Amino acid sequence: MFINIIDKHISLKPTEVADAEPLFDLVDQNRDHLAPWMPWVDATATIADERQFIESMLTKQAHGQVFITTIIVDGEVAGMLDIHNISDVNHRGEIGYWLGAAYTGRGVMTKALERLEEIAFTELDLHKLSLGADVNNQASRAVAERRQYHLDATLPENILVNEQYRDEAIYSLTVDEWSKRQDD
């Protein structure tokens, strides 16, 4: 994948090992913003931790298990967006994303997710995308709802964040639902 320009401010780029330092810096500057929702924040303590994560994801991507991108806003690293747990058998994957606080509330993730859906359904040939969010993470849930994902279930105590089990809202979107919206 080449750099995928969404608009004059936002683009998705393939994540590379060279992105480890700016991504780590963004995580480090946004620990208080990310920690309530992202269980991996505390484990990302060094640039080496971020580099190891990226290398692991790139290996999985080479095997078709993951599709990972870095979100760029006005030339700056703003966050990440991926499809993970891709199933070749069932043609589905799970969306994951995060943004630095300075980039929230501006429609960045909604626009980035819209482009990722297009890639998922037209290039990766997936049939279904799902997205899970802590029931209390209203910002994350709002992204799914703006993109017209439907709420499939609320799973009690399904995710462990900061040593607490939390309820998770599970959303999904199928290629047929997405295609219908493209035709409207």
N, C-alpha and C. Protein backbone atom coordinates (compact mmCIF):
# COMPACT_ATOMS: atom_id res chain seq x y z
N MET A 1 0.84 -1.18 0.00
CA MET A 1 0.00 0.00 0.00
C MET A 1 0.88 1.24 0.00
N PHE A 2 0.52 2.18 -0.82
CA PHE A 2 1.20 3.46 -0.86
C PHE A 2 0.49 4.40 0.10
N ILE A 3 1.05 5.58 0.31
CA ILE A 3 0.37 6.56 1.16
C ILE A 3 -1.00 6.82 0.55
N ASN A 4 -2.01 6.73 1.39
CA ASN A 4 -3.39 6.83 0.98
C ASN A 4 -3.92 8.18 1.47
N ILE A 5 -4.02 9.14 0.58
CA ILE A 5 -4.46 10.48 0.95
C ILE A 5 -5.98 10.50 1.09
N ILE A 6 -6.45 10.93 2.25
CA ILE A 6 -7.88 10.99 2.53
C ILE A 6 -8.43 12.37 2.19
N ASP A 7 -7.75 13.40 2.66
CA ASP A 7 -8.08 14.78 2.30
C ASP A 7 -6.80 15.60 2.42
N LYS A 8 -6.89 16.91 2.35
CA LYS A 8 -5.67 17.72 2.34
C LYS A 8 -4.93 17.70 3.68
N HIS A 9 -5.57 17.16 4.72
CA HIS A 9 -4.94 17.11 6.03
C HIS A 9 -4.59 15.69 6.50
N ILE A 10 -5.38 14.70 6.09
CA ILE A 10 -5.30 13.35 6.66
C ILE A 10 -4.88 12.34 5.61
N SER A 11 -3.98 11.43 6.02
CA SER A 11 -3.61 10.30 5.15
C SER A 11 -3.29 9.09 6.01
N LEU A 12 -3.35 7.93 5.37
CA LEU A 12 -2.92 6.68 5.98
C LEU A 12 -1.64 6.26 5.27
N LYS A 13 -0.66 5.83 6.04
CA LYS A 13 0.56 5.32 5.42
C LYS A 13 0.85 3.94 5.99
N PRO A 14 1.51 3.11 5.20
CA PRO A 14 1.90 1.81 5.74
C PRO A 14 2.83 2.03 6.93
N THR A 15 2.57 1.36 8.01
CA THR A 15 3.43 1.47 9.18
C THR A 15 4.75 0.77 8.90
N GLU A 16 5.83 1.43 9.28
CA GLU A 16 7.19 0.90 9.09
C GLU A 16 7.93 0.92 10.41
N VAL A 17 8.98 0.15 10.52
CA VAL A 17 9.80 0.14 11.73
C VAL A 17 10.31 1.55 12.04
N ALA A 18 10.58 2.34 11.01
CA ALA A 18 11.06 3.71 11.19
C ALA A 18 10.04 4.59 11.91
N ASP A 19 8.79 4.16 11.98
CA ASP A 19 7.74 4.91 12.68
C ASP A 19 7.78 4.70 14.19
N ALA A 20 8.63 3.81 14.66
CA ALA A 20 8.64 3.47 16.09
C ALA A 20 8.87 4.69 16.97
N GLU A 21 9.84 5.51 16.63
CA GLU A 21 10.13 6.66 17.50
C GLU A 21 8.99 7.67 17.53
N PRO A 22 8.47 8.15 16.38
CA PRO A 22 7.36 9.11 16.49
C PRO A 22 6.10 8.51 17.11
N LEU A 23 5.84 7.23 16.86
CA LEU A 23 4.67 6.60 17.50
C LEU A 23 4.87 6.49 19.00
N PHE A 24 6.07 6.07 19.42
CA PHE A 24 6.34 5.99 20.86
C PHE A 24 6.21 7.37 21.51
N ASP A 25 6.78 8.39 20.87
CA ASP A 25 6.69 9.74 21.43
C ASP A 25 5.23 10.16 21.60
N LEU A 26 4.40 9.84 20.62
CA LEU A 26 2.98 10.18 20.70
C LEU A 26 2.30 9.43 21.85
N VAL A 27 2.59 8.15 21.98
CA VAL A 27 2.04 7.38 23.09
C VAL A 27 2.51 7.97 24.41
N ASP A 28 3.80 8.26 24.51
CA ASP A 28 4.38 8.78 25.74
C ASP A 28 3.75 10.11 26.14
N GLN A 29 3.47 10.96 25.16
CA GLN A 29 2.85 12.26 25.44
C GLN A 29 1.36 12.14 25.77
N ASN A 30 0.77 10.99 25.45
CA ASN A 30 -0.68 10.82 25.60
C ASN A 30 -1.06 9.69 26.55
N ARG A 31 -0.17 9.35 27.46
CA ARG A 31 -0.45 8.23 28.38
C ARG A 31 -1.76 8.43 29.15
N ASP A 32 -1.97 9.62 29.68
CA ASP A 32 -3.19 9.87 30.46
C ASP A 32 -4.44 9.78 29.58
N HIS A 33 -4.32 10.18 28.34
CA HIS A 33 -5.43 10.13 27.39
C HIS A 33 -5.74 8.69 26.96
N LEU A 34 -4.71 7.88 26.75
CA LEU A 34 -4.88 6.53 26.20
C LEU A 34 -5.10 5.46 27.27
N ALA A 35 -4.45 5.61 28.42
CA ALA A 35 -4.43 4.54 29.43
C ALA A 35 -5.82 4.07 29.90
N PRO A 36 -6.82 4.95 30.02
CA PRO A 36 -8.12 4.44 30.48
C PRO A 36 -8.76 3.42 29.53
N TRP A 37 -8.32 3.39 28.26
CA TRP A 37 -8.97 2.55 27.27
C TRP A 37 -8.06 1.50 26.64
N MET A 38 -6.77 1.72 26.65
CA MET A 38 -5.84 0.87 25.92
C MET A 38 -4.96 0.07 26.88
N PRO A 39 -5.13 -1.24 26.93
CA PRO A 39 -4.40 -2.05 27.90
C PRO A 39 -2.90 -2.14 27.63
N TRP A 40 -2.45 -1.75 26.46
CA TRP A 40 -1.05 -1.88 26.08
C TRP A 40 -0.19 -0.66 26.45
N VAL A 41 -0.80 0.41 26.92
CA VAL A 41 -0.07 1.66 27.14
C VAL A 41 1.08 1.48 28.13
N ASP A 42 0.82 0.88 29.27
CA ASP A 42 1.88 0.72 30.27
C ASP A 42 3.01 -0.18 29.77
N ALA A 43 2.69 -1.15 28.93
CA ALA A 43 3.72 -2.07 28.41
C ALA A 43 4.56 -1.41 27.32
N THR A 44 4.12 -0.27 26.81
CA THR A 44 4.89 0.46 25.81
C THR A 44 5.72 1.50 26.54
N ALA A 45 6.83 1.04 27.12
CA ALA A 45 7.65 1.89 27.99
C ALA A 45 8.86 2.50 27.29
N THR A 46 9.24 1.95 26.13
CA THR A 46 10.43 2.43 25.43
C THR A 46 10.20 2.40 23.92
N ILE A 47 11.08 3.07 23.20
CA ILE A 47 11.03 3.00 21.74
C ILE A 47 11.23 1.56 21.29
N ALA A 48 12.07 0.82 21.99
CA ALA A 48 12.31 -0.59 21.65
C ALA A 48 11.01 -1.40 21.76
N ASP A 49 10.17 -1.10 22.75
CA ASP A 49 8.88 -1.78 22.88
C ASP A 49 8.01 -1.50 21.66
N GLU A 50 7.98 -0.25 21.23
CA GLU A 50 7.18 0.12 20.06
C GLU A 50 7.74 -0.55 18.81
N ARG A 51 9.06 -0.56 18.68
CA ARG A 51 9.70 -1.20 17.53
C ARG A 51 9.36 -2.69 17.49
N GLN A 52 9.42 -3.34 18.64
CA GLN A 52 9.10 -4.77 18.70
C GLN A 52 7.64 -5.02 18.30
N PHE A 53 6.74 -4.17 18.76
CA PHE A 53 5.33 -4.28 18.39
C PHE A 53 5.17 -4.16 16.88
N ILE A 54 5.79 -3.14 16.29
CA ILE A 54 5.67 -2.92 14.84
C ILE A 54 6.24 -4.11 14.08
N GLU A 55 7.41 -4.59 14.48
CA GLU A 55 8.01 -5.75 13.80
C GLU A 55 7.09 -6.96 13.87
N SER A 56 6.48 -7.18 15.02
CA SER A 56 5.55 -8.30 15.18
C SER A 56 4.34 -8.13 14.25
N MET A 57 3.80 -6.93 14.20
CA MET A 57 2.64 -6.67 13.34
C MET A 57 3.01 -6.81 11.87
N LEU A 58 4.19 -6.36 11.48
CA LEU A 58 4.60 -6.47 10.08
C LEU A 58 4.79 -7.94 9.68
N THR A 59 5.26 -8.76 10.60
CA THR A 59 5.37 -10.20 10.34
C THR A 59 3.98 -10.79 10.12
N LYS A 60 3.05 -10.42 10.99
CA LYS A 60 1.66 -10.90 10.83
C LYS A 60 1.05 -10.37 9.54
N GLN A 61 1.39 -9.14 9.18
CA GLN A 61 0.86 -8.58 7.94
C GLN A 61 1.37 -9.37 6.74
N ALA A 62 2.63 -9.77 6.78
CA ALA A 62 3.21 -10.55 5.68
C ALA A 62 2.48 -11.88 5.51
N HIS A 63 1.85 -12.36 6.59
CA HIS A 63 1.09 -13.62 6.55
C HIS A 63 -0.40 -13.39 6.36
N GLY A 64 -0.81 -12.14 6.11
CA GLY A 64 -2.22 -11.84 5.85
C GLY A 64 -3.10 -11.81 7.08
N GLN A 65 -2.50 -11.74 8.28
CA GLN A 65 -3.29 -11.77 9.52
C GLN A 65 -3.67 -10.38 10.02
N VAL A 66 -2.97 -9.37 9.51
CA VAL A 66 -3.11 -7.99 10.00
C VAL A 66 -2.95 -7.05 8.82
N PHE A 67 -3.57 -5.89 8.91
CA PHE A 67 -3.33 -4.78 7.99
C PHE A 67 -3.17 -3.55 8.86
N ILE A 68 -1.96 -2.97 8.89
CA ILE A 68 -1.66 -1.90 9.85
C ILE A 68 -1.26 -0.62 9.14
N THR A 69 -1.81 0.50 9.64
CA THR A 69 -1.49 1.81 9.07
C THR A 69 -1.20 2.81 10.18
N THR A 70 -0.46 3.83 9.81
CA THR A 70 -0.21 4.96 10.68
C THR A 70 -1.02 6.14 10.13
N ILE A 71 -1.71 6.83 11.01
CA ILE A 71 -2.51 7.99 10.61
C ILE A 71 -1.61 9.22 10.66
N ILE A 72 -1.62 9.97 9.57
CA ILE A 72 -0.83 11.20 9.46
C ILE A 72 -1.81 12.37 9.33
N VAL A 73 -1.61 13.41 10.14
CA VAL A 73 -2.42 14.62 10.05
C VAL A 73 -1.47 15.80 9.89
N ASP A 74 -1.63 16.51 8.80
CA ASP A 74 -0.79 17.67 8.50
C ASP A 74 0.70 17.32 8.63
N GLY A 75 1.06 16.15 8.13
CA GLY A 75 2.45 15.72 8.10
C GLY A 75 2.98 15.14 9.40
N GLU A 76 2.16 15.08 10.43
CA GLU A 76 2.57 14.57 11.74
C GLU A 76 1.90 13.23 12.04
N VAL A 77 2.62 12.34 12.70
CA VAL A 77 2.05 11.08 13.16
C VAL A 77 0.97 11.40 14.19
N ALA A 78 -0.25 10.89 13.95
CA ALA A 78 -1.40 11.21 14.81
C ALA A 78 -1.96 10.01 15.55
N GLY A 79 -1.65 8.79 15.07
CA GLY A 79 -2.20 7.59 15.70
C GLY A 79 -2.05 6.40 14.78
N MET A 80 -2.80 5.35 15.09
CA MET A 80 -2.74 4.12 14.30
C MET A 80 -4.15 3.59 14.07
N LEU A 81 -4.28 2.83 12.98
CA LEU A 81 -5.53 2.19 12.61
C LEU A 81 -5.19 0.87 11.95
N ASP A 82 -5.83 -0.21 12.38
CA ASP A 82 -5.49 -1.51 11.80
C ASP A 82 -6.70 -2.41 11.70
N ILE A 83 -6.50 -3.47 10.95
CA ILE A 83 -7.42 -4.61 10.96
C ILE A 83 -6.58 -5.77 11.46
N HIS A 84 -7.00 -6.41 12.52
CA HIS A 84 -6.26 -7.54 13.08
C HIS A 84 -7.18 -8.76 13.16
N ASN A 85 -6.59 -9.88 13.52
CA ASN A 85 -7.34 -11.15 13.57
C ASN A 85 -8.08 -11.40 12.27
N ILE A 86 -7.41 -11.13 11.15
CA ILE A 86 -8.02 -11.37 9.85
C ILE A 86 -8.16 -12.88 9.64
N SER A 87 -9.35 -13.31 9.27
CA SER A 87 -9.63 -14.71 9.02
C SER A 87 -9.79 -14.95 7.53
N ASP A 88 -8.89 -15.74 6.96
CA ASP A 88 -9.01 -16.13 5.56
C ASP A 88 -10.23 -17.02 5.34
N VAL A 89 -10.55 -17.82 6.33
CA VAL A 89 -11.67 -18.76 6.22
C VAL A 89 -13.00 -18.03 6.22
N ASN A 90 -13.16 -17.08 7.14
CA ASN A 90 -14.45 -16.39 7.30
C ASN A 90 -14.48 -15.00 6.68
N HIS A 91 -13.38 -14.56 6.12
CA HIS A 91 -13.29 -13.25 5.45
C HIS A 91 -13.74 -12.11 6.36
N ARG A 92 -13.18 -12.09 7.56
CA ARG A 92 -13.52 -11.01 8.48
C ARG A 92 -12.27 -10.55 9.22
N GLY A 93 -12.38 -9.39 9.83
CA GLY A 93 -11.29 -8.85 10.61
C GLY A 93 -11.83 -7.90 11.67
N GLU A 94 -10.97 -7.55 12.62
CA GLU A 94 -11.34 -6.68 13.72
C GLU A 94 -10.58 -5.37 13.62
N ILE A 95 -11.28 -4.27 13.80
CA ILE A 95 -10.70 -2.93 13.71
C ILE A 95 -10.11 -2.55 15.07
N GLY A 96 -8.93 -1.92 15.03
CA GLY A 96 -8.34 -1.32 16.22
C GLY A 96 -7.83 0.06 15.87
N TYR A 97 -7.94 1.02 16.80
CA TYR A 97 -7.46 2.36 16.51
C TYR A 97 -7.20 3.15 17.77
N TRP A 98 -6.36 4.17 17.60
CA TRP A 98 -6.13 5.16 18.65
C TRP A 98 -5.58 6.44 18.01
N LEU A 99 -5.83 7.55 18.69
CA LEU A 99 -5.33 8.85 18.26
C LEU A 99 -4.75 9.60 19.45
N GLY A 100 -3.76 10.42 19.18
CA GLY A 100 -3.29 11.36 20.19
C GLY A 100 -4.39 12.36 20.49
N ALA A 101 -4.43 12.88 21.70
CA ALA A 101 -5.51 13.77 22.15
C ALA A 101 -5.67 15.00 21.26
N ALA A 102 -4.58 15.53 20.75
CA ALA A 102 -4.64 16.74 19.92
C ALA A 102 -5.40 16.52 18.62
N TYR A 103 -5.59 15.27 18.23
CA TYR A 103 -6.23 14.96 16.95
C TYR A 103 -7.66 14.48 17.10
N THR A 104 -8.16 14.40 18.33
CA THR A 104 -9.52 13.92 18.55
C THR A 104 -10.53 15.05 18.37
N GLY A 105 -11.77 14.66 18.12
CA GLY A 105 -12.84 15.64 17.99
C GLY A 105 -12.82 16.42 16.69
N ARG A 106 -12.04 15.95 15.71
CA ARG A 106 -11.91 16.66 14.44
C ARG A 106 -12.34 15.80 13.25
N GLY A 107 -12.90 14.62 13.51
CA GLY A 107 -13.34 13.75 12.43
C GLY A 107 -12.23 12.92 11.81
N VAL A 108 -11.04 12.98 12.38
CA VAL A 108 -9.89 12.27 11.81
C VAL A 108 -10.16 10.77 11.76
N MET A 109 -10.56 10.20 12.89
CA MET A 109 -10.72 8.74 12.93
C MET A 109 -11.90 8.30 12.07
N THR A 110 -12.96 9.07 12.04
CA THR A 110 -14.11 8.71 11.22
C THR A 110 -13.72 8.65 9.75
N LYS A 111 -12.97 9.65 9.29
CA LYS A 111 -12.52 9.68 7.89
C LYS A 111 -11.51 8.56 7.61
N ALA A 112 -10.61 8.32 8.56
CA ALA A 112 -9.61 7.26 8.37
C ALA A 112 -10.29 5.89 8.32
N LEU A 113 -11.27 5.68 9.19
CA LEU A 113 -11.99 4.40 9.20
C LEU A 113 -12.77 4.22 7.90
N GLU A 114 -13.35 5.27 7.39
CA GLU A 114 -14.06 5.18 6.12
C GLU A 114 -13.12 4.67 5.02
N ARG A 115 -11.92 5.20 4.97
CA ARG A 115 -10.96 4.75 3.95
C ARG A 115 -10.53 3.31 4.21
N LEU A 116 -10.33 2.95 5.48
CA LEU A 116 -9.92 1.58 5.79
C LEU A 116 -11.01 0.59 5.39
N GLU A 117 -12.27 0.95 5.55
CA GLU A 117 -13.37 0.08 5.11
C GLU A 117 -13.26 -0.19 3.61
N GLU A 118 -13.00 0.86 2.86
CA GLU A 118 -12.85 0.70 1.41
C GLU A 118 -11.72 -0.29 1.08
N ILE A 119 -10.61 -0.15 1.76
CA ILE A 119 -9.48 -1.07 1.55
C ILE A 119 -9.88 -2.49 1.94
N ALA A 120 -10.53 -2.62 3.10
CA ALA A 120 -10.93 -3.94 3.61
C ALA A 120 -11.86 -4.66 2.64
N PHE A 121 -12.85 -3.95 2.13
CA PHE A 121 -13.87 -4.59 1.33
C PHE A 121 -13.51 -4.71 -0.15
N THR A 122 -12.65 -3.83 -0.65
CA THR A 122 -12.31 -3.88 -2.08
C THR A 122 -10.95 -4.50 -2.36
N GLU A 123 -9.97 -4.28 -1.48
CA GLU A 123 -8.63 -4.80 -1.72
C GLU A 123 -8.35 -6.08 -0.94
N LEU A 124 -8.80 -6.14 0.31
CA LEU A 124 -8.53 -7.32 1.14
C LEU A 124 -9.62 -8.38 0.99
N ASP A 125 -10.71 -8.05 0.31
CA ASP A 125 -11.81 -8.96 0.04
C ASP A 125 -12.43 -9.53 1.32
N LEU A 126 -12.56 -8.67 2.33
CA LEU A 126 -13.22 -9.10 3.56
C LEU A 126 -14.73 -8.96 3.41
N HIS A 127 -15.45 -9.77 4.14
CA HIS A 127 -16.92 -9.72 4.12
C HIS A 127 -17.45 -8.93 5.31
N LYS A 128 -16.72 -8.95 6.44
CA LYS A 128 -17.25 -8.33 7.66
C LYS A 128 -16.11 -7.72 8.48
N LEU A 129 -16.38 -6.55 9.03
CA LEU A 129 -15.48 -5.91 9.97
C LEU A 129 -16.20 -5.80 11.30
N SER A 130 -15.48 -6.04 12.39
CA SER A 130 -16.05 -5.81 13.71
C SER A 130 -15.16 -4.85 14.48
N LEU A 131 -15.73 -4.24 15.48
CA LEU A 131 -15.04 -3.21 16.25
C LEU A 131 -15.54 -3.32 17.68
N GLY A 132 -14.62 -3.43 18.62
CA GLY A 132 -14.99 -3.51 20.03
C GLY A 132 -14.53 -2.27 20.77
N ALA A 133 -15.35 -1.79 21.70
CA ALA A 133 -15.00 -0.62 22.50
C ALA A 133 -15.54 -0.78 23.91
N ASP A 134 -14.76 -0.32 24.86
CA ASP A 134 -15.23 -0.24 26.24
C ASP A 134 -16.58 0.50 26.21
N VAL A 135 -17.57 -0.02 26.91
CA VAL A 135 -18.89 0.61 26.87
C VAL A 135 -18.85 2.07 27.32
N ASN A 136 -17.88 2.43 28.13
CA ASN A 136 -17.77 3.81 28.61
C ASN A 136 -16.93 4.70 27.71
N ASN A 137 -16.33 4.15 26.67
CA ASN A 137 -15.51 4.94 25.75
C ASN A 137 -16.42 5.55 24.68
N GLN A 138 -17.07 6.63 25.05
CA GLN A 138 -18.07 7.24 24.16
C GLN A 138 -17.45 7.74 22.86
N ALA A 139 -16.22 8.22 22.89
CA ALA A 139 -15.58 8.71 21.67
C ALA A 139 -15.37 7.59 20.67
N SER A 140 -14.89 6.46 21.15
CA SER A 140 -14.66 5.32 20.27
C SER A 140 -15.98 4.77 19.73
N ARG A 141 -16.96 4.67 20.59
CA ARG A 141 -18.28 4.18 20.17
C ARG A 141 -18.91 5.12 19.16
N ALA A 142 -18.70 6.42 19.32
CA ALA A 142 -19.27 7.39 18.39
C ALA A 142 -18.69 7.22 16.99
N VAL A 143 -17.41 6.85 16.89
CA VAL A 143 -16.81 6.61 15.57
C VAL A 143 -17.55 5.48 14.88
N ALA A 144 -17.75 4.37 15.58
CA ALA A 144 -18.47 3.22 15.00
C ALA A 144 -19.88 3.62 14.59
N GLU A 145 -20.54 4.39 15.42
CA GLU A 145 -21.92 4.78 15.13
C GLU A 145 -22.00 5.77 13.97
N ARG A 146 -21.04 6.71 13.88
CA ARG A 146 -21.03 7.62 12.74
C ARG A 146 -20.81 6.88 11.43
N ARG A 147 -20.02 5.79 11.49
CA ARG A 147 -19.77 4.99 10.30
C ARG A 147 -20.87 3.94 10.08
N GLN A 148 -21.94 4.02 10.86
CA GLN A 148 -23.12 3.18 10.73
C GLN A 148 -22.85 1.69 10.95
N TYR A 149 -21.92 1.39 11.84
CA TYR A 149 -21.78 0.01 12.31
C TYR A 149 -22.97 -0.25 13.22
N HIS A 150 -23.44 -1.48 13.24
CA HIS A 150 -24.55 -1.77 14.14
C HIS A 150 -24.02 -2.47 15.38
N LEU A 151 -24.68 -2.18 16.49
CA LEU A 151 -24.30 -2.77 17.77
C LEU A 151 -24.83 -4.20 17.81
N ASP A 152 -23.91 -5.16 17.83
CA ASP A 152 -24.30 -6.57 17.84
C ASP A 152 -24.55 -7.09 19.26
N ALA A 153 -23.73 -6.62 20.20
CA ALA A 153 -23.83 -7.15 21.56
C ALA A 153 -23.05 -6.26 22.52
N THR A 154 -23.40 -6.38 23.77
CA THR A 154 -22.58 -5.83 24.85
C THR A 154 -22.16 -7.04 25.68
N LEU A 155 -20.87 -7.29 25.72
CA LEU A 155 -20.34 -8.46 26.41
C LEU A 155 -19.83 -8.07 27.79
N PRO A 156 -20.45 -8.61 28.84
CA PRO A 156 -20.04 -8.26 30.20
C PRO A 156 -18.62 -8.73 30.50
N GLU A 157 -17.86 -7.86 31.14
CA GLU A 157 -16.51 -8.17 31.62
C GLU A 157 -15.68 -8.88 30.56
N ASN A 158 -15.66 -8.34 29.35
CA ASN A 158 -15.00 -8.98 28.21
C ASN A 158 -13.58 -8.50 27.96
N ILE A 159 -13.21 -7.34 28.48
CA ILE A 159 -11.86 -6.81 28.27
C ILE A 159 -11.23 -6.45 29.61
N LEU A 160 -9.94 -6.62 29.69
CA LEU A 160 -9.19 -6.32 30.91
C LEU A 160 -8.32 -5.09 30.64
N VAL A 161 -8.63 -4.01 31.32
CA VAL A 161 -7.88 -2.76 31.19
C VAL A 161 -7.55 -2.27 32.60
N ASN A 162 -6.27 -2.01 32.82
CA ASN A 162 -5.82 -1.52 34.13
C ASN A 162 -6.30 -2.42 35.27
N GLU A 163 -6.17 -3.70 35.04
CA GLU A 163 -6.50 -4.73 36.04
C GLU A 163 -7.98 -4.75 36.43
N GLN A 164 -8.83 -4.21 35.56
CA GLN A 164 -10.26 -4.26 35.80
C GLN A 164 -10.94 -4.84 34.56
N TYR A 165 -11.88 -5.78 34.78
CA TYR A 165 -12.67 -6.30 33.68
C TYR A 165 -13.76 -5.30 33.36
N ARG A 166 -13.92 -5.07 32.07
CA ARG A 166 -14.88 -4.07 31.62
C ARG A 166 -15.81 -4.66 30.58
N ASP A 167 -17.00 -4.09 30.50
CA ASP A 167 -17.96 -4.50 29.48
C ASP A 167 -17.51 -3.93 28.13
N GLU A 168 -17.74 -4.71 27.07
CA GLU A 168 -17.33 -4.29 25.74
C GLU A 168 -18.52 -4.28 24.79
N ALA A 169 -18.65 -3.18 24.07
CA ALA A 169 -19.67 -3.06 23.02
C ALA A 169 -19.04 -3.56 21.73
N ILE A 170 -19.72 -4.50 21.05
CA ILE A 170 -19.23 -5.08 19.80
C ILE A 170 -20.11 -4.59 18.65
N TYR A 171 -19.46 -3.94 17.71
CA TYR A 171 -20.13 -3.41 16.52
C TYR A 171 -19.65 -4.17 15.29
N SER A 172 -20.45 -4.15 14.22
CA SER A 172 -19.98 -4.76 12.97
C SER A 172 -20.59 -4.07 11.77
N LEU A 173 -19.95 -4.34 10.62
CA LEU A 173 -20.39 -3.82 9.34
C LEU A 173 -20.02 -4.87 8.29
N THR A 174 -20.97 -5.22 7.44
CA THR A 174 -20.69 -6.19 6.37
C THR A 174 -20.45 -5.45 5.05
N VAL A 175 -19.84 -6.16 4.13
CA VAL A 175 -19.59 -5.58 2.81
C VAL A 175 -20.90 -5.19 2.14
N ASP A 176 -21.95 -5.96 2.33
CA ASP A 176 -23.24 -5.65 1.72
C ASP A 176 -23.80 -4.34 2.28
N GLU A 177 -23.70 -4.15 3.58
CA GLU A 177 -24.16 -2.90 4.19
C GLU A 177 -23.32 -1.73 3.68
N TRP A 178 -22.03 -1.93 3.61
CA TRP A 178 -21.11 -0.89 3.13
C TRP A 178 -21.41 -0.56 1.66
N SER A 179 -21.58 -1.58 0.84
CA SER A 179 -21.86 -1.36 -0.59
C SER A 179 -23.15 -0.59 -0.81
N LYS A 180 -24.16 -0.92 -0.02
CA LYS A 180 -25.46 -0.23 -0.14
C LYS A 180 -25.27 1.25 0.13
N ARG A 181 -24.47 1.60 1.12
CA ARG A 181 -24.22 3.01 1.44
C ARG A 181 -23.47 3.70 0.30
N GLN A 182 -22.61 2.97 -0.39
CA GLN A 182 -21.85 3.55 -1.50
C GLN A 182 -22.79 3.89 -2.67
N ASP A 183 -23.84 3.07 -2.80
CA ASP A 183 -24.79 3.26 -3.90
C ASP A 183 -25.78 4.39 -3.62
N ASP A 184 -25.99 4.71 -2.33
CA ASP A 184 -26.97 5.75 -1.96
C ASP A 184 -26.47 7.14 -2.29
